[in-house]
Amino acid sequence: MHVSRRVVLASSTLLLFVACSKNEQAAKDSAAAAAAAPPPAAPAPALNLADFAGKWAMASTPMEGKDTAATKFTLTATADTIGWVMEFPSGVKVPLQITVSGDSLVSKSGTFPSQRRKNVKVHIDGSFRIQGGKMVGMTTAHYQGAGADSVLHLRTEGSKAP
């Protein structure tokens, strides 16, 4: 009986040693894998409204359907969220509400006479970024009383006016 206790004790000690060795090796493997992994991507830079400030020559083009004509306008942007205005060649001026959401600028208008559809009122919302020196984004036009054609999605792009 005395010998069997020694065998059990020796076996238990050996099993404990093997188990600890495996845990240490797993920890070393995990540490090595973490060291070899690429560093996490840097967060996107914060949106700076000053980058948008100025006059922009803009064009919004439908993304679907047969109509590919661009609606052109001048956007006057400020370095803060106040004083942003779209002005169409017809002379219609539309103030915009501006907010920042993550790395995007979000715009929203009140209701104004559509420049694409005669005798129809519209309000728009969109989101924009600066890419390669251009302002690019998506605009959604919401037409009043237009039934199934009440929404139009447009790609909007512009360059700073000289």
N, C-alpha and C. Protein backbone atom coordinates (compact mmCIF):
# COMPACT_ATOMS: atom_id res chain seq x y z
N MET A 1 0.82 -1.17 0.00
CA MET A 1 0.00 0.00 0.00
C MET A 1 0.88 1.25 0.00
N HIS A 2 2.00 1.18 0.72
CA HIS A 2 2.93 2.29 0.79
C HIS A 2 3.52 2.61 -0.58
N VAL A 3 3.82 1.61 -1.37
CA VAL A 3 4.37 1.78 -2.69
C VAL A 3 3.32 2.37 -3.65
N SER A 4 2.09 1.91 -3.55
CA SER A 4 1.06 2.41 -4.46
C SER A 4 0.77 3.89 -4.21
N ARG A 5 0.91 4.35 -2.94
CA ARG A 5 0.73 5.78 -2.67
C ARG A 5 1.81 6.59 -3.35
N ARG A 6 3.04 6.06 -3.33
CA ARG A 6 4.14 6.75 -3.99
C ARG A 6 3.93 6.81 -5.50
N VAL A 7 3.42 5.73 -6.06
CA VAL A 7 3.16 5.69 -7.50
C VAL A 7 2.06 6.71 -7.85
N VAL A 8 1.00 6.76 -7.05
CA VAL A 8 -0.09 7.70 -7.29
C VAL A 8 0.43 9.13 -7.16
N LEU A 9 1.22 9.40 -6.11
CA LEU A 9 1.78 10.73 -5.90
C LEU A 9 2.70 11.12 -7.05
N ALA A 10 3.53 10.21 -7.50
CA ALA A 10 4.45 10.49 -8.61
C ALA A 10 3.67 10.72 -9.90
N SER A 11 2.65 9.91 -10.12
CA SER A 11 1.82 10.07 -11.33
C SER A 11 1.10 11.41 -11.32
N SER A 12 0.55 11.77 -10.16
CA SER A 12 -0.16 13.05 -10.04
C SER A 12 0.79 14.21 -10.28
N THR A 13 1.98 14.12 -9.73
CA THR A 13 2.98 15.19 -9.92
C THR A 13 3.35 15.31 -11.39
N LEU A 14 3.54 14.19 -12.06
CA LEU A 14 3.88 14.18 -13.47
C LEU A 14 2.75 14.79 -14.31
N LEU A 15 1.50 14.41 -14.02
CA LEU A 15 0.36 14.97 -14.74
C LEU A 15 0.25 16.47 -14.53
N LEU A 16 0.47 16.93 -13.29
CA LEU A 16 0.42 18.36 -12.99
C LEU A 16 1.51 19.10 -13.75
N PHE A 17 2.70 18.52 -13.82
CA PHE A 17 3.81 19.14 -14.54
C PHE A 17 3.50 19.25 -16.03
N VAL A 18 2.95 18.20 -16.61
CA VAL A 18 2.61 18.19 -18.03
C VAL A 18 1.52 19.23 -18.31
N ALA A 19 0.50 19.29 -17.47
CA ALA A 19 -0.59 20.24 -17.66
C ALA A 19 -0.07 21.68 -17.59
N CYS A 20 0.78 21.95 -16.61
CA CYS A 20 1.34 23.31 -16.48
C CYS A 20 2.21 23.66 -17.67
N SER A 21 2.96 22.69 -18.16
CA SER A 21 3.82 22.94 -19.32
C SER A 21 2.98 23.29 -20.54
N LYS A 22 1.86 22.59 -20.73
CA LYS A 22 0.99 22.89 -21.86
C LYS A 22 0.39 24.29 -21.74
N ASN A 23 -0.03 24.69 -20.53
CA ASN A 23 -0.59 26.02 -20.32
C ASN A 23 0.46 27.11 -20.59
N GLU A 24 1.69 26.87 -20.13
CA GLU A 24 2.76 27.84 -20.37
C GLU A 24 3.04 27.95 -21.87
N GLN A 25 3.06 26.81 -22.57
CA GLN A 25 3.31 26.84 -24.00
C GLN A 25 2.18 27.54 -24.73
N ALA A 26 0.94 27.29 -24.33
CA ALA A 26 -0.21 27.96 -24.95
C ALA A 26 -0.13 29.46 -24.73
N ALA A 27 0.27 29.86 -23.52
CA ALA A 27 0.42 31.30 -23.24
C ALA A 27 1.51 31.90 -24.12
N LYS A 28 2.63 31.17 -24.27
CA LYS A 28 3.72 31.66 -25.13
C LYS A 28 3.26 31.76 -26.58
N ASP A 29 2.50 30.73 -27.05
CA ASP A 29 1.98 30.75 -28.42
C ASP A 29 1.03 31.93 -28.63
N SER A 30 0.16 32.18 -27.65
CA SER A 30 -0.79 33.30 -27.75
C SER A 30 -0.04 34.62 -27.78
N ALA A 31 0.98 34.76 -26.93
CA ALA A 31 1.76 36.01 -26.90
C ALA A 31 2.49 36.20 -28.22
N ALA A 32 3.04 35.13 -28.78
CA ALA A 32 3.75 35.23 -30.06
C ALA A 32 2.79 35.60 -31.18
N ALA A 33 1.60 35.02 -31.16
CA ALA A 33 0.61 35.34 -32.20
C ALA A 33 0.17 36.80 -32.09
N ALA A 34 0.00 37.28 -30.87
CA ALA A 34 -0.40 38.68 -30.69
C ALA A 34 0.70 39.62 -31.17
N ALA A 35 1.95 39.24 -30.92
CA ALA A 35 3.07 40.09 -31.35
C ALA A 35 3.20 40.09 -32.87
N ALA A 36 2.86 38.97 -33.52
CA ALA A 36 2.98 38.88 -34.97
C ALA A 36 1.80 39.50 -35.70
N ALA A 37 0.67 39.70 -35.02
CA ALA A 37 -0.52 40.26 -35.65
C ALA A 37 -0.27 41.72 -36.01
N PRO A 38 -0.84 42.16 -37.13
CA PRO A 38 -0.66 43.57 -37.49
C PRO A 38 -1.35 44.46 -36.46
N PRO A 39 -0.83 45.66 -36.27
CA PRO A 39 -1.47 46.55 -35.30
C PRO A 39 -2.86 46.95 -35.79
N PRO A 40 -3.76 47.27 -34.87
CA PRO A 40 -5.10 47.66 -35.29
C PRO A 40 -5.04 48.94 -36.13
N ALA A 41 -5.98 49.06 -37.03
CA ALA A 41 -6.02 50.23 -37.91
C ALA A 41 -6.23 51.48 -37.08
N ALA A 42 -5.59 52.55 -37.51
CA ALA A 42 -5.76 53.84 -36.83
C ALA A 42 -7.19 54.31 -37.02
N PRO A 43 -7.76 54.95 -36.02
CA PRO A 43 -9.13 55.45 -36.19
C PRO A 43 -9.17 56.52 -37.27
N ALA A 44 -10.33 56.62 -37.91
CA ALA A 44 -10.50 57.64 -38.95
C ALA A 44 -10.32 59.01 -38.32
N PRO A 45 -9.67 59.91 -39.04
CA PRO A 45 -9.49 61.24 -38.47
C PRO A 45 -10.84 61.92 -38.25
N ALA A 46 -10.88 62.73 -37.22
CA ALA A 46 -12.12 63.44 -36.91
C ALA A 46 -12.46 64.38 -38.07
N LEU A 47 -13.74 64.52 -38.32
CA LEU A 47 -14.21 65.40 -39.39
C LEU A 47 -13.94 66.84 -38.99
N ASN A 48 -13.35 67.60 -39.88
CA ASN A 48 -13.04 69.00 -39.62
C ASN A 48 -13.89 69.84 -40.58
N LEU A 49 -14.86 70.57 -40.04
CA LEU A 49 -15.74 71.37 -40.88
C LEU A 49 -14.98 72.44 -41.64
N ALA A 50 -13.83 72.86 -41.14
CA ALA A 50 -13.03 73.86 -41.85
C ALA A 50 -12.59 73.33 -43.22
N ASP A 51 -12.46 72.01 -43.36
CA ASP A 51 -12.08 71.41 -44.65
C ASP A 51 -13.18 71.63 -45.70
N PHE A 52 -14.41 71.82 -45.25
CA PHE A 52 -15.55 72.01 -46.16
C PHE A 52 -15.78 73.49 -46.49
N ALA A 53 -15.25 74.39 -45.67
CA ALA A 53 -15.56 75.81 -45.81
C ALA A 53 -15.18 76.34 -47.18
N GLY A 54 -16.09 77.15 -47.77
CA GLY A 54 -15.85 77.77 -49.07
C GLY A 54 -17.04 77.55 -49.99
N LYS A 55 -16.86 77.90 -51.25
CA LYS A 55 -17.90 77.70 -52.27
C LYS A 55 -17.55 76.46 -53.07
N TRP A 56 -18.55 75.65 -53.33
CA TRP A 56 -18.38 74.40 -54.06
C TRP A 56 -19.30 74.39 -55.27
N ALA A 57 -18.77 73.98 -56.42
CA ALA A 57 -19.57 73.75 -57.62
C ALA A 57 -20.01 72.29 -57.56
N MET A 58 -21.30 72.08 -57.35
CA MET A 58 -21.82 70.74 -57.08
C MET A 58 -22.71 70.25 -58.22
N ALA A 59 -22.84 68.92 -58.33
CA ALA A 59 -23.75 68.29 -59.29
C ALA A 59 -24.29 67.02 -58.66
N SER A 60 -25.62 66.85 -58.74
CA SER A 60 -26.29 65.65 -58.23
C SER A 60 -26.90 64.91 -59.40
N THR A 61 -26.52 63.63 -59.55
CA THR A 61 -26.97 62.81 -60.67
C THR A 61 -27.74 61.59 -60.14
N PRO A 62 -28.92 61.31 -60.71
CA PRO A 62 -29.70 60.14 -60.26
C PRO A 62 -28.89 58.85 -60.39
N MET A 63 -29.10 57.96 -59.43
CA MET A 63 -28.39 56.69 -59.42
C MET A 63 -29.16 55.58 -60.11
N GLU A 64 -30.45 55.78 -60.34
CA GLU A 64 -31.26 54.74 -60.98
C GLU A 64 -32.14 55.39 -62.04
N GLY A 65 -32.65 54.57 -62.92
CA GLY A 65 -33.57 55.07 -63.94
C GLY A 65 -32.84 55.58 -65.17
N LYS A 66 -33.61 56.10 -66.11
CA LYS A 66 -33.06 56.57 -67.38
C LYS A 66 -32.55 58.00 -67.31
N ASP A 67 -33.01 58.76 -66.33
CA ASP A 67 -32.61 60.15 -66.19
C ASP A 67 -31.19 60.23 -65.67
N THR A 68 -30.29 60.78 -66.48
CA THR A 68 -28.90 60.93 -66.06
C THR A 68 -28.48 62.40 -66.01
N ALA A 69 -29.44 63.30 -66.14
CA ALA A 69 -29.12 64.73 -66.11
C ALA A 69 -28.74 65.15 -64.70
N ALA A 70 -27.70 65.94 -64.60
CA ALA A 70 -27.24 66.41 -63.30
C ALA A 70 -27.97 67.70 -62.92
N THR A 71 -28.30 67.80 -61.65
CA THR A 71 -28.81 69.05 -61.10
C THR A 71 -27.60 69.79 -60.53
N LYS A 72 -27.32 70.96 -61.06
CA LYS A 72 -26.14 71.71 -60.62
C LYS A 72 -26.55 72.81 -59.65
N PHE A 73 -25.66 73.07 -58.70
CA PHE A 73 -25.89 74.13 -57.73
C PHE A 73 -24.56 74.54 -57.12
N THR A 74 -24.57 75.69 -56.47
CA THR A 74 -23.41 76.16 -55.73
C THR A 74 -23.71 75.97 -54.25
N LEU A 75 -22.77 75.38 -53.55
CA LEU A 75 -22.91 75.19 -52.12
C LEU A 75 -21.95 76.13 -51.42
N THR A 76 -22.50 76.96 -50.54
CA THR A 76 -21.66 77.80 -49.70
C THR A 76 -21.60 77.13 -48.33
N ALA A 77 -20.38 76.78 -47.92
CA ALA A 77 -20.16 76.06 -46.67
C ALA A 77 -19.32 76.91 -45.73
N THR A 78 -19.60 76.78 -44.45
CA THR A 78 -18.84 77.52 -43.44
C THR A 78 -18.02 76.54 -42.60
N ALA A 79 -17.17 77.08 -41.74
CA ALA A 79 -16.32 76.24 -40.90
C ALA A 79 -17.06 75.73 -39.66
N ASP A 80 -18.36 76.03 -39.58
CA ASP A 80 -19.18 75.47 -38.50
C ASP A 80 -20.49 74.99 -39.10
N THR A 81 -21.48 74.72 -38.29
CA THR A 81 -22.72 74.13 -38.81
C THR A 81 -23.76 75.18 -39.19
N ILE A 82 -23.43 76.44 -39.09
CA ILE A 82 -24.39 77.52 -39.37
C ILE A 82 -24.01 78.21 -40.67
N GLY A 83 -25.03 78.57 -41.46
CA GLY A 83 -24.80 79.37 -42.66
C GLY A 83 -24.57 78.61 -43.95
N TRP A 84 -24.85 77.32 -43.98
CA TRP A 84 -24.69 76.53 -45.20
C TRP A 84 -25.90 76.78 -46.10
N VAL A 85 -25.64 77.06 -47.40
CA VAL A 85 -26.72 77.38 -48.34
C VAL A 85 -26.42 76.78 -49.70
N MET A 86 -27.46 76.15 -50.30
CA MET A 86 -27.41 75.72 -51.69
C MET A 86 -28.05 76.83 -52.53
N GLU A 87 -27.44 77.15 -53.66
CA GLU A 87 -28.04 78.12 -54.57
C GLU A 87 -28.05 77.52 -55.97
N PHE A 88 -29.26 77.46 -56.54
CA PHE A 88 -29.45 76.88 -57.87
C PHE A 88 -29.36 77.97 -58.93
N PRO A 89 -29.06 77.61 -60.18
CA PRO A 89 -29.01 78.59 -61.27
C PRO A 89 -30.30 79.40 -61.41
N SER A 90 -31.42 78.84 -60.97
CA SER A 90 -32.71 79.54 -61.04
C SER A 90 -32.80 80.69 -60.03
N GLY A 91 -31.85 80.74 -59.10
CA GLY A 91 -31.87 81.76 -58.06
C GLY A 91 -32.43 81.27 -56.74
N VAL A 92 -33.00 80.08 -56.70
CA VAL A 92 -33.54 79.52 -55.46
C VAL A 92 -32.38 79.25 -54.50
N LYS A 93 -32.51 79.79 -53.27
CA LYS A 93 -31.51 79.56 -52.22
C LYS A 93 -32.15 78.71 -51.13
N VAL A 94 -31.43 77.65 -50.73
CA VAL A 94 -31.97 76.71 -49.75
C VAL A 94 -30.97 76.57 -48.60
N PRO A 95 -31.36 77.03 -47.39
CA PRO A 95 -30.49 76.82 -46.23
C PRO A 95 -30.44 75.34 -45.86
N LEU A 96 -29.31 74.91 -45.34
CA LEU A 96 -29.14 73.51 -44.92
C LEU A 96 -28.84 73.44 -43.43
N GLN A 97 -29.38 72.40 -42.80
CA GLN A 97 -29.01 72.07 -41.43
C GLN A 97 -27.86 71.07 -41.54
N ILE A 98 -26.78 71.33 -40.83
CA ILE A 98 -25.59 70.49 -40.91
C ILE A 98 -25.30 69.87 -39.55
N THR A 99 -25.00 68.58 -39.56
CA THR A 99 -24.52 67.88 -38.36
C THR A 99 -23.35 67.00 -38.77
N VAL A 100 -22.61 66.56 -37.78
CA VAL A 100 -21.48 65.65 -38.03
C VAL A 100 -21.83 64.32 -37.39
N SER A 101 -21.62 63.25 -38.15
CA SER A 101 -21.85 61.90 -37.65
C SER A 101 -20.63 61.06 -38.00
N GLY A 102 -19.79 60.78 -37.02
CA GLY A 102 -18.57 60.02 -37.27
C GLY A 102 -17.66 60.78 -38.22
N ASP A 103 -17.34 60.16 -39.35
CA ASP A 103 -16.45 60.80 -40.32
C ASP A 103 -17.22 61.43 -41.47
N SER A 104 -18.54 61.62 -41.29
CA SER A 104 -19.37 62.16 -42.37
C SER A 104 -20.09 63.43 -41.93
N LEU A 105 -20.33 64.26 -42.92
CA LEU A 105 -21.14 65.46 -42.75
C LEU A 105 -22.54 65.10 -43.20
N VAL A 106 -23.54 65.44 -42.42
CA VAL A 106 -24.93 65.12 -42.75
C VAL A 106 -25.68 66.42 -42.97
N SER A 107 -26.41 66.50 -44.10
CA SER A 107 -27.15 67.72 -44.43
C SER A 107 -28.63 67.40 -44.54
N LYS A 108 -29.44 68.42 -44.26
CA LYS A 108 -30.89 68.28 -44.35
C LYS A 108 -31.44 69.65 -44.72
N SER A 109 -32.41 69.66 -45.64
CA SER A 109 -33.02 70.92 -46.04
C SER A 109 -34.47 70.98 -45.59
N GLY A 110 -35.01 72.18 -45.65
CA GLY A 110 -36.45 72.33 -45.52
C GLY A 110 -37.05 72.09 -46.89
N THR A 111 -38.35 72.31 -47.02
CA THR A 111 -39.04 72.11 -48.29
C THR A 111 -38.79 73.30 -49.21
N PHE A 112 -38.55 73.00 -50.50
CA PHE A 112 -38.31 74.05 -51.49
C PHE A 112 -38.80 73.57 -52.85
N PRO A 113 -38.94 74.49 -53.83
CA PRO A 113 -39.40 74.08 -55.17
C PRO A 113 -38.34 73.20 -55.85
N SER A 114 -38.76 72.05 -56.33
CA SER A 114 -37.85 71.13 -56.98
C SER A 114 -37.23 71.77 -58.22
N GLN A 115 -35.97 71.51 -58.41
CA GLN A 115 -35.27 71.98 -59.60
C GLN A 115 -35.29 70.92 -60.69
N ARG A 116 -35.75 69.72 -60.38
CA ARG A 116 -35.83 68.62 -61.34
C ARG A 116 -37.25 68.38 -61.83
N ARG A 117 -38.25 68.63 -60.99
CA ARG A 117 -39.65 68.36 -61.33
C ARG A 117 -40.47 69.64 -61.15
N LYS A 118 -41.12 70.06 -62.22
CA LYS A 118 -41.90 71.29 -62.19
C LYS A 118 -43.10 71.17 -61.27
N ASN A 119 -43.36 72.27 -60.56
CA ASN A 119 -44.51 72.40 -59.68
C ASN A 119 -44.57 71.34 -58.58
N VAL A 120 -43.42 70.86 -58.14
CA VAL A 120 -43.35 69.87 -57.07
C VAL A 120 -42.42 70.41 -55.99
N LYS A 121 -42.82 70.19 -54.75
CA LYS A 121 -41.97 70.57 -53.61
C LYS A 121 -41.14 69.36 -53.20
N VAL A 122 -39.94 69.64 -52.66
CA VAL A 122 -39.02 68.58 -52.29
C VAL A 122 -38.26 69.01 -51.04
N HIS A 123 -37.81 68.05 -50.28
CA HIS A 123 -36.80 68.30 -49.25
C HIS A 123 -35.75 67.20 -49.42
N ILE A 124 -34.52 67.53 -49.04
CA ILE A 124 -33.42 66.59 -49.28
C ILE A 124 -32.64 66.34 -48.00
N ASP A 125 -31.97 65.19 -48.00
CA ASP A 125 -30.98 64.90 -46.96
C ASP A 125 -29.84 64.16 -47.63
N GLY A 126 -28.67 64.29 -47.05
CA GLY A 126 -27.51 63.64 -47.66
C GLY A 126 -26.38 63.49 -46.66
N SER A 127 -25.37 62.75 -47.07
CA SER A 127 -24.15 62.61 -46.26
C SER A 127 -22.95 62.71 -47.20
N PHE A 128 -21.90 63.36 -46.69
CA PHE A 128 -20.76 63.71 -47.53
C PHE A 128 -19.45 63.52 -46.79
N ARG A 129 -18.40 63.35 -47.61
CA ARG A 129 -17.02 63.29 -47.14
C ARG A 129 -16.16 64.05 -48.14
N ILE A 130 -14.96 64.35 -47.71
CA ILE A 130 -13.98 64.92 -48.65
C ILE A 130 -13.07 63.76 -49.06
N GLN A 131 -12.96 63.51 -50.37
CA GLN A 131 -12.09 62.47 -50.90
C GLN A 131 -11.34 63.04 -52.08
N GLY A 132 -10.02 63.01 -52.01
CA GLY A 132 -9.21 63.50 -53.12
C GLY A 132 -9.49 64.96 -53.45
N GLY A 133 -9.77 65.76 -52.44
CA GLY A 133 -10.03 67.18 -52.66
C GLY A 133 -11.44 67.50 -53.14
N LYS A 134 -12.27 66.48 -53.34
CA LYS A 134 -13.65 66.69 -53.77
C LYS A 134 -14.61 66.36 -52.63
N MET A 135 -15.76 66.99 -52.67
CA MET A 135 -16.83 66.63 -51.74
C MET A 135 -17.69 65.60 -52.46
N VAL A 136 -17.84 64.43 -51.87
CA VAL A 136 -18.61 63.36 -52.50
C VAL A 136 -19.60 62.79 -51.50
N GLY A 137 -20.72 62.32 -52.02
CA GLY A 137 -21.70 61.72 -51.13
C GLY A 137 -22.97 61.32 -51.85
N MET A 138 -23.97 61.04 -51.05
CA MET A 138 -25.27 60.60 -51.54
C MET A 138 -26.32 61.58 -51.03
N THR A 139 -27.28 61.87 -51.90
CA THR A 139 -28.40 62.73 -51.54
C THR A 139 -29.68 61.97 -51.82
N THR A 140 -30.66 62.13 -50.95
CA THR A 140 -31.98 61.56 -51.17
C THR A 140 -32.97 62.71 -51.24
N ALA A 141 -33.69 62.79 -52.35
CA ALA A 141 -34.73 63.80 -52.54
C ALA A 141 -36.07 63.16 -52.22
N HIS A 142 -36.86 63.86 -51.40
CA HIS A 142 -38.18 63.38 -50.99
C HIS A 142 -39.22 64.33 -51.58
N TYR A 143 -39.93 63.89 -52.61
CA TYR A 143 -40.90 64.72 -53.32
C TYR A 143 -42.28 64.61 -52.68
N GLN A 144 -42.94 65.74 -52.51
CA GLN A 144 -44.28 65.76 -51.93
C GLN A 144 -45.32 65.37 -52.98
N GLY A 145 -46.22 64.48 -52.62
CA GLY A 145 -47.33 64.10 -53.49
C GLY A 145 -46.93 63.41 -54.77
N ALA A 146 -45.80 62.72 -54.78
CA ALA A 146 -45.32 62.09 -56.01
C ALA A 146 -45.64 60.60 -56.05
N GLY A 147 -46.37 60.08 -55.09
CA GLY A 147 -46.75 58.67 -55.11
C GLY A 147 -45.54 57.75 -55.05
N ALA A 148 -45.53 56.75 -55.94
CA ALA A 148 -44.45 55.76 -55.94
C ALA A 148 -43.10 56.37 -56.29
N ASP A 149 -43.10 57.51 -56.97
CA ASP A 149 -41.85 58.18 -57.34
C ASP A 149 -41.48 59.28 -56.35
N SER A 150 -41.80 59.08 -55.09
CA SER A 150 -41.61 60.14 -54.11
C SER A 150 -40.17 60.28 -53.63
N VAL A 151 -39.31 59.30 -53.93
CA VAL A 151 -37.92 59.34 -53.47
C VAL A 151 -36.98 59.15 -54.66
N LEU A 152 -35.93 59.95 -54.68
CA LEU A 152 -34.91 59.83 -55.72
C LEU A 152 -33.54 59.84 -55.05
N HIS A 153 -32.71 58.85 -55.36
CA HIS A 153 -31.35 58.76 -54.81
C HIS A 153 -30.38 59.32 -55.84
N LEU A 154 -29.50 60.19 -55.36
CA LEU A 154 -28.56 60.85 -56.26
C LEU A 154 -27.14 60.75 -55.73
N ARG A 155 -26.20 60.64 -56.64
CA ARG A 155 -24.78 60.74 -56.28
C ARG A 155 -24.43 62.20 -56.44
N THR A 156 -23.86 62.78 -55.40
CA THR A 156 -23.53 64.20 -55.43
C THR A 156 -22.02 64.36 -55.28
N GLU A 157 -21.47 65.22 -56.13
CA GLU A 157 -20.03 65.45 -56.13
C GLU A 157 -19.76 66.90 -56.49
N GLY A 158 -18.70 67.43 -55.91
CA GLY A 158 -18.37 68.80 -56.24
C GLY A 158 -16.91 69.13 -55.96
N SER A 159 -16.47 70.22 -56.57
CA SER A 159 -15.12 70.74 -56.39
C SER A 159 -15.22 72.16 -55.88
N LYS A 160 -14.20 72.58 -55.14
CA LYS A 160 -14.21 73.96 -54.67
C LYS A 160 -14.14 74.88 -55.86
N ALA A 161 -15.01 75.89 -55.82
CA ALA A 161 -15.06 76.87 -56.90
C ALA A 161 -13.83 77.78 -56.78
N PRO A 162 -13.30 78.20 -57.94
CA PRO A 162 -12.10 79.07 -57.89
C PRO A 162 -12.42 80.43 -57.33
